[in-house]
């Protein structure tokens, strides 16, 4: 491991993690994390109000990792970065970890601006195109129909159907082509090798990047220091078990060296990858136990939302809460720890097996 990686300082919370940087860079600026790896932060108009982006020195140019949301504010901050930090050195490519709009939002705008290729997994690229086109199971109506089947009340269904934060408005038009990344591929950046480590459950084929020489993992949304990654069932795959895929992926990341510095998409860079993956495994084990206890009587996914989320949720958050509740119930169903039946009102309800 490169010995120039910063030492950890006292953490602001979980004692099993340590944080070498306790303050994010100001908007329109960046901070060097390790040699050749720079940290940017962009705003989001949600309760989760930011995303971390990364710029890698790439010879006499730059590789960008993730892009931020398609918004005037984010484009303005990229203008500042381009003028003050990228200087006259060219951007060589844009890498996107997955299709969610805070990561993919400006992929089309940035690749067109700099005349470069987009690099991402095929599943994420195709999903972005389908979601942008509002096809099949990627519409607000299809989400509302799924949640109705799982017990969401009519007022919340209408809020889902009419919500403003649609994918089509959250991203710039996607590039017409891309360069495919596969699990196990290696990206050569500035003479260093970055291993592509695909993860599943949060998105179809999420790409994390690991550089052994630097001892750094760009984890995207797969491993976050303070919050648990959203793992949801969506209308496009209503019988899916994304939680099983996510838990398997955590085991894969846990094989990396103990002193790996994790660069997450939300929160602060941290040490303690194995401790964090263990904590996330335990978090979901406990939540599954709580859901199973609630299934002593027939319950819908809507009934499970307050079991998993002990706070008031706005109409944006309820979409992810419902998806995650269905994911936990589907996981228990696959394990045959619950059974599922359609009640007389057409709502799917789950109860513990006897």
Protein backbone atom coordinates (compact mmCIF):
# COMPACT_ATOMS: atom_id res chain seq x y z
CA UNK A 1 0.00 0.00 0.00
CA UNK A 2 1.20 3.47 -0.79
CA UNK A 3 2.46 4.97 2.49
CA UNK A 4 1.34 8.46 1.55
CA UNK A 5 -2.29 7.62 2.35
CA UNK A 6 -3.36 9.94 5.20
CA UNK A 7 -3.51 8.63 8.72
CA UNK A 8 -6.88 8.25 10.37
CA UNK A 9 -8.18 10.72 12.94
CA UNK A 10 -10.81 10.39 15.63
CA UNK A 11 -14.13 9.43 14.01
CA UNK A 12 -17.34 11.44 14.48
CA UNK A 13 -19.46 8.42 15.39
CA UNK A 14 -18.97 4.70 14.84
CA UNK A 15 -15.81 3.76 16.78
CA UNK A 16 -15.10 0.85 14.43
CA UNK A 17 -14.50 3.31 11.57
CA UNK A 18 -11.94 6.07 11.25
CA UNK A 19 -12.08 9.12 9.03
CA UNK A 20 -8.94 10.81 7.64
CA UNK A 21 -10.91 13.83 6.43
CA UNK A 22 -13.62 15.37 8.58
CA UNK A 23 -14.73 18.10 6.16
CA UNK A 24 -15.79 17.82 2.55
CA UNK A 25 -14.37 20.19 -0.09
CA UNK A 26 -16.42 23.29 -0.79
CA UNK A 27 -18.58 23.36 -3.91
CA UNK A 28 -16.60 24.04 -7.06
CA UNK A 29 -13.31 22.92 -5.46
CA UNK A 30 -11.60 19.59 -4.89
CA UNK A 31 -9.31 17.95 -2.38
CA UNK A 32 -6.56 15.44 -3.08
CA UNK A 33 -7.26 12.26 -1.08
CA UNK A 34 -4.26 10.19 -2.14
CA UNK A 35 -1.76 10.92 -4.92
CA UNK A 36 -3.72 11.49 -8.11
CA UNK A 37 -7.20 11.01 -6.59
CA UNK A 38 -9.32 14.12 -6.02
CA UNK A 39 -12.60 14.48 -4.12
CA UNK A 40 -15.50 16.72 -5.25
CA UNK A 41 -18.88 17.14 -3.61
CA UNK A 42 -22.08 18.13 -5.44
CA UNK A 43 -25.49 19.08 -3.97
CA UNK A 44 -28.69 17.00 -4.12
CA UNK A 45 -32.20 18.41 -3.48
CA UNK A 46 -33.19 15.57 -1.15
CA UNK A 47 -32.86 14.61 2.50
CA UNK A 48 -29.59 12.98 1.41
CA UNK A 49 -28.24 16.32 0.26
CA UNK A 50 -24.91 15.51 -1.44
CA UNK A 51 -22.94 13.12 -3.60
CA UNK A 52 -19.19 12.60 -3.67
CA UNK A 53 -17.51 12.48 -7.07
CA UNK A 54 -13.91 11.56 -7.92
CA UNK A 55 -11.36 12.79 -10.44
CA UNK A 56 -8.32 10.64 -11.22
CA UNK A 57 -5.15 12.09 -12.71
CA UNK A 58 -4.67 10.20 -15.98
CA UNK A 59 -1.28 11.03 -17.43
CA UNK A 60 -1.56 14.52 -18.87
CA UNK A 61 -5.35 14.46 -18.42
CA UNK A 62 -8.21 13.28 -16.20
CA UNK A 63 -10.66 10.45 -15.68
CA UNK A 64 -13.96 11.50 -14.07
CA UNK A 65 -15.84 9.02 -11.85
CA UNK A 66 -19.58 9.78 -11.53
CA UNK A 67 -21.19 13.05 -12.54
CA UNK A 68 -23.85 14.40 -10.19
CA UNK A 69 -27.49 15.20 -10.84
CA UNK A 70 -28.67 17.00 -13.97
CA UNK A 71 -29.27 20.40 -12.43
CA UNK A 72 -28.24 23.98 -13.02
CA UNK A 73 -26.39 24.00 -9.69
CA UNK A 74 -24.31 20.93 -10.57
CA UNK A 75 -23.48 22.17 -14.06
CA UNK A 76 -22.35 25.48 -12.56
CA UNK A 77 -20.02 23.71 -10.15
CA UNK A 78 -18.58 21.60 -12.95
CA UNK A 79 -17.94 24.85 -14.86
CA UNK A 80 -15.88 26.07 -11.90
CA UNK A 81 -13.96 22.78 -11.67
CA UNK A 82 -13.25 22.83 -15.41
CA UNK A 83 -11.99 26.42 -15.30
CA UNK A 84 -9.97 26.27 -12.08
CA UNK A 85 -8.83 22.69 -11.54
CA UNK A 86 -8.88 20.76 -14.80
CA UNK A 87 -7.09 23.71 -16.40
CA UNK A 88 -5.80 22.98 -19.89
CA UNK A 89 -5.40 19.23 -19.36
CA UNK A 90 -7.98 17.15 -21.24
CA UNK A 91 -10.64 14.90 -19.74
CA UNK A 92 -9.99 11.44 -21.17
CA UNK A 93 -13.15 9.56 -20.16
CA UNK A 94 -16.15 9.56 -17.86
CA UNK A 95 -16.70 6.46 -15.69
CA UNK A 96 -20.12 5.93 -14.08
CA UNK A 97 -20.64 3.44 -11.26
CA UNK A 98 -24.37 2.92 -11.92
CA UNK A 99 -27.43 4.42 -13.58
CA UNK A 100 -29.02 6.28 -10.64
CA UNK A 101 -29.45 9.96 -11.54
CA UNK A 102 -27.10 11.40 -8.91
CA UNK A 103 -24.33 9.30 -10.49
CA UNK A 104 -25.37 9.28 -14.16
CA UNK A 105 -27.22 12.59 -14.32
CA UNK A 106 -24.66 14.61 -16.28
CA UNK A 107 -22.98 11.74 -18.13
CA UNK A 108 -24.39 12.89 -21.47
CA UNK A 109 -23.56 16.54 -20.81
CA UNK A 110 -19.99 15.86 -19.68
CA UNK A 111 -19.11 13.36 -22.43
CA UNK A 112 -20.44 15.78 -25.05
CA UNK A 113 -18.67 18.75 -23.47
CA UNK A 114 -15.28 17.02 -23.41
CA UNK A 115 -15.77 14.78 -26.48
CA UNK A 116 -14.97 11.57 -24.61
CA UNK A 117 -16.39 8.09 -24.09
CA UNK A 118 -18.67 6.93 -21.31
CA UNK A 119 -17.46 3.85 -19.42
CA UNK A 120 -19.94 1.74 -17.42
CA UNK A 121 -21.44 -1.73 -17.21
CA UNK A 122 -23.86 -2.79 -19.92
CA UNK A 123 -26.73 -3.47 -17.50
CA UNK A 124 -26.47 0.03 -16.05
CA UNK A 125 -26.21 1.71 -19.47
CA UNK A 126 -29.22 -0.15 -20.87
CA UNK A 127 -31.25 0.46 -17.71
CA UNK A 128 -30.50 4.16 -17.96
CA UNK A 129 -31.78 4.21 -21.54
CA UNK A 130 -34.96 2.31 -20.62
CA UNK A 131 -35.62 4.49 -17.57
CA UNK A 132 -35.06 7.67 -19.60
CA UNK A 133 -37.50 6.44 -22.24
CA UNK A 134 -40.03 5.60 -19.48
CA UNK A 135 -40.59 2.08 -20.83
CA UNK A 136 -42.14 -0.93 -19.16
CA UNK A 137 -41.64 -1.13 -15.42
CA UNK A 138 -39.81 2.20 -15.16
CA UNK A 139 -42.78 4.58 -14.97
CA UNK A 140 -44.37 6.22 -11.97
CA UNK A 141 -47.61 4.41 -12.81
CA UNK A 142 -45.91 1.01 -12.70
CA UNK A 143 -44.34 1.84 -9.35
CA UNK A 144 -47.69 2.96 -7.96
CA UNK A 145 -49.33 -0.26 -9.22
CA UNK A 146 -46.66 -2.41 -7.55
CA UNK A 147 -47.01 -0.56 -4.27
CA UNK A 148 -50.82 -0.78 -4.43
CA UNK A 149 -50.46 -4.55 -4.73
CA UNK A 150 -48.39 -4.39 -1.56
CA UNK A 151 -50.85 -2.34 0.44
CA UNK A 152 -49.89 1.31 -0.06
CA UNK A 153 -52.85 3.61 0.57
CA UNK A 154 -54.50 5.50 -2.28
CA UNK A 155 -53.20 8.94 -1.27
CA UNK A 156 -49.60 7.71 -1.29
CA UNK A 157 -50.20 5.90 -4.59
CA UNK A 158 -51.29 9.17 -6.16
CA UNK A 159 -48.19 10.89 -4.75
CA UNK A 160 -46.02 8.21 -6.37
CA UNK A 161 -47.80 8.61 -9.72
CA UNK A 162 -47.39 12.39 -9.73
CA UNK A 163 -43.98 12.79 -8.08
CA UNK A 164 -41.75 15.43 -9.61
CA UNK A 165 -38.42 13.64 -9.36
CA UNK A 166 -38.78 11.55 -12.52
CA UNK A 167 -35.71 9.93 -14.01
CA UNK A 168 -36.25 11.61 -17.37
CA UNK A 169 -35.82 15.07 -15.84
CA UNK A 170 -32.96 14.07 -13.52
CA UNK A 171 -30.48 13.17 -16.26
CA UNK A 172 -29.20 14.81 -19.41
CA UNK A 173 -29.83 12.75 -22.53
CA UNK A 174 -27.64 9.66 -22.34
CA UNK A 175 -24.72 9.21 -24.75
CA UNK A 176 -25.59 7.12 -27.81
CA UNK A 177 -22.74 4.68 -27.11
CA UNK A 178 -20.52 3.52 -24.27
CA UNK A 179 -17.43 1.46 -23.42
CA UNK A 180 -18.43 -1.67 -21.52
CA UNK A 181 -16.87 -2.58 -18.16
CA UNK A 182 -17.04 -6.17 -16.87
CA UNK A 183 -16.37 -7.63 -13.45
CA UNK A 184 -12.64 -8.29 -13.14
CA UNK A 185 -11.65 -5.78 -15.82
CA UNK A 186 -8.73 -3.48 -15.06
CA UNK A 187 -8.68 0.19 -15.97
CA UNK A 188 -5.22 1.61 -16.50
CA UNK A 189 -5.17 5.13 -15.11
CA UNK A 190 -1.92 7.09 -14.81
CA UNK A 191 0.12 3.90 -14.78
CA UNK A 192 -1.96 2.34 -12.01
CA UNK A 193 -4.39 -0.55 -12.31
CA UNK A 194 -7.97 -0.19 -11.03
CA UNK A 195 -9.89 -3.45 -10.63
CA UNK A 196 -13.59 -3.36 -11.55
CA UNK A 197 -15.62 -5.06 -8.80
CA UNK A 198 -19.28 -5.43 -9.69
CA UNK A 199 -21.85 -5.33 -6.93
CA UNK A 200 -25.53 -6.19 -7.02
CA UNK A 201 -28.74 -5.49 -5.16
CA UNK A 202 -28.64 -1.69 -5.10
CA UNK A 203 -28.52 -1.43 -8.89
CA UNK A 204 -28.35 -4.00 -11.70
CA UNK A 205 -24.55 -4.09 -12.12
CA UNK A 206 -22.84 -1.48 -9.98
CA UNK A 207 -19.13 -0.93 -10.66
CA UNK A 208 -16.79 -0.23 -7.74
CA UNK A 209 -13.11 0.46 -8.49
CA UNK A 210 -10.19 -0.82 -6.40
CA UNK A 211 -6.55 0.25 -6.76
CA UNK A 212 -4.24 -2.11 -4.90
CA UNK A 213 -1.22 0.18 -5.27
CA UNK A 214 -3.01 3.05 -3.56
CA UNK A 215 -5.05 0.86 -1.22
CA UNK A 216 -8.23 2.68 -2.28
CA UNK A 217 -11.76 1.48 -3.06
CA UNK A 218 -14.18 3.81 -4.85
CA UNK A 219 -17.23 2.06 -3.42
CA UNK A 220 -20.04 4.08 -5.00
CA UNK A 221 -23.25 3.31 -3.15
CA UNK A 222 -22.35 -0.28 -2.26
CA UNK A 223 -20.56 0.51 1.02
CA UNK A 224 -21.50 3.72 2.85
CA UNK A 225 -20.16 4.73 6.28
CA UNK A 226 -23.27 6.06 8.03
CA UNK A 227 -26.39 4.92 6.24
CA UNK A 228 -27.41 1.56 4.85
CA UNK A 229 -27.56 1.30 1.07
CA UNK A 230 -31.07 1.22 -0.33
CA UNK A 231 -31.92 -2.29 -1.52
CA UNK A 232 -35.30 -2.30 -3.21
CA UNK A 233 -37.65 -4.35 -5.34
CA UNK A 234 -38.90 -2.36 -8.34
CA UNK A 235 -41.79 -2.82 -10.73
CA UNK A 236 -39.51 -4.16 -13.47
CA UNK A 237 -38.64 -7.21 -11.32
CA UNK A 238 -41.38 -7.64 -8.71
CA UNK A 239 -40.28 -11.16 -7.69
CA UNK A 240 -36.60 -10.26 -7.29
CA UNK A 241 -34.44 -10.90 -4.23
CA UNK A 242 -32.01 -7.95 -4.35
CA UNK A 243 -31.17 -8.31 -0.67
CA UNK A 244 -29.56 -11.70 -1.28
CA UNK A 245 -27.49 -10.17 -4.09
CA UNK A 246 -26.46 -7.24 -1.93
CA UNK A 247 -25.36 -9.42 1.00
CA UNK A 248 -23.29 -11.59 -1.34
CA UNK A 249 -21.65 -8.47 -2.78
CA UNK A 250 -20.68 -7.26 0.71
CA UNK A 251 -18.79 -10.52 1.27
CA UNK A 252 -16.89 -9.88 -1.95
CA UNK A 253 -15.79 -6.39 -0.87
CA UNK A 254 -14.86 -7.71 2.58
CA UNK A 255 -12.04 -9.74 1.01
CA UNK A 256 -10.05 -6.54 0.33
CA UNK A 257 -7.18 -5.64 2.68
CA UNK A 258 -8.09 -4.34 6.12
CA UNK A 259 -6.31 -1.02 5.56
CA UNK A 260 -8.27 -0.15 2.44
CA UNK A 261 -9.38 3.49 2.29
CA UNK A 262 -13.02 3.55 1.18
CA UNK A 263 -14.26 6.45 -0.94
CA UNK A 264 -18.08 6.33 -0.73
CA UNK A 265 -20.61 8.28 -2.75
CA UNK A 266 -22.23 9.67 0.41
CA UNK A 267 -20.58 10.54 3.71
CA UNK A 268 -16.86 10.81 4.41
CA UNK A 269 -13.93 8.66 3.22
CA UNK A 270 -13.17 6.05 5.85
CA UNK A 271 -11.08 3.13 7.04
CA UNK A 272 -12.81 0.04 8.39
CA UNK A 273 -14.17 -1.74 5.31
CA UNK A 274 -14.52 -5.14 6.96
CA UNK A 275 -16.08 -3.69 10.08
CA UNK A 276 -18.57 -1.79 7.96
CA UNK A 277 -19.51 -4.77 5.77
CA UNK A 278 -19.95 -6.87 8.93
CA UNK A 279 -22.14 -4.14 10.44
CA UNK A 280 -24.29 -4.00 7.31
CA UNK A 281 -24.70 -7.78 7.32
CA UNK A 282 -25.78 -7.59 10.97
CA UNK A 283 -28.08 -4.65 10.27
CA UNK A 284 -30.02 -6.64 7.71
CA UNK A 285 -30.06 -9.77 9.88
CA UNK A 286 -31.68 -7.78 12.68
CA UNK A 287 -34.13 -6.11 10.31
CA UNK A 288 -35.13 -9.48 8.85
CA UNK A 289 -35.76 -10.77 12.39
CA UNK A 290 -37.97 -7.74 13.10
CA UNK A 291 -39.88 -8.23 9.86
CA UNK A 292 -40.35 -11.92 10.64
CA UNK A 293 -41.71 -11.06 14.08
CA UNK A 294 -44.19 -8.68 12.47
CA UNK A 295 -45.30 -11.53 10.21
CA UNK A 296 -46.85 -13.41 13.15
CA UNK A 297 -50.05 -12.07 11.57
CA UNK A 298 -50.59 -11.43 7.84
CA UNK A 299 -48.95 -8.12 6.89
CA UNK A 300 -48.34 -6.20 3.69
CA UNK A 301 -45.16 -4.41 2.70
CA UNK A 302 -46.89 -1.14 3.62
CA UNK A 303 -47.38 -2.54 7.13
CA UNK A 304 -43.64 -3.27 7.28
CA UNK A 305 -42.55 0.27 6.38
CA UNK A 306 -42.84 1.56 10.00
CA UNK A 307 -41.00 -1.55 11.20
CA UNK A 308 -37.98 -0.72 9.02
CA UNK A 309 -38.25 3.09 9.11
CA UNK A 310 -39.03 4.59 12.49
CA UNK A 311 -39.58 8.15 11.31
CA UNK A 312 -41.95 10.16 9.19
CA UNK A 313 -41.29 9.70 5.48
CA UNK A 314 -42.02 12.21 2.74
CA UNK A 315 -43.46 11.17 -0.61
CA UNK A 316 -40.00 10.84 -2.16
CA UNK A 317 -38.74 8.62 0.65
CA UNK A 318 -41.82 6.38 0.67
CA UNK A 319 -40.86 5.06 -2.77
CA UNK A 320 -37.56 3.69 -1.46
CA UNK A 321 -39.13 2.55 1.82
CA UNK A 322 -41.75 0.50 0.00
CA UNK A 323 -39.13 -0.98 -2.30
CA UNK A 324 -36.97 -1.96 0.65
CA UNK A 325 -39.89 -3.44 2.59
CA UNK A 326 -40.81 -5.63 -0.38
CA UNK A 327 -37.14 -6.64 -0.70
CA UNK A 328 -37.00 -7.90 2.90
CA UNK A 329 -40.28 -9.79 2.52
CA UNK A 330 -39.20 -11.34 -0.78
CA UNK A 331 -35.95 -12.45 0.85
CA UNK A 332 -37.84 -14.18 3.66
CA UNK A 333 -40.18 -15.70 1.07
CA UNK A 334 -37.23 -17.15 -0.86
CA UNK A 335 -35.93 -18.63 2.39
CA UNK A 336 -39.39 -20.12 3.02
CA UNK A 337 -39.60 -18.35 6.36
CA UNK A 338 -42.84 -16.67 5.28
CA UNK A 339 -45.67 -17.49 2.92
CA UNK A 340 -47.47 -15.00 0.70
CA UNK A 341 -51.17 -14.84 -0.07
CA UNK A 342 -53.45 -12.43 -1.91
CA UNK A 343 -56.19 -11.24 0.43
CA UNK A 344 -59.79 -10.56 -0.61
CA UNK A 345 -58.85 -6.91 -1.25
CA UNK A 346 -56.17 -7.99 -3.73
CA UNK A 347 -53.29 -6.93 -1.46
CA UNK A 348 -50.38 -9.34 -1.02
CA UNK A 349 -49.79 -10.25 2.61
CA UNK A 350 -47.06 -12.30 4.23
CA UNK A 351 -47.16 -14.43 7.35
CA UNK A 352 -44.63 -16.52 9.18
CA UNK A 353 -44.52 -20.19 8.28
CA UNK A 354 -45.76 -22.46 10.99
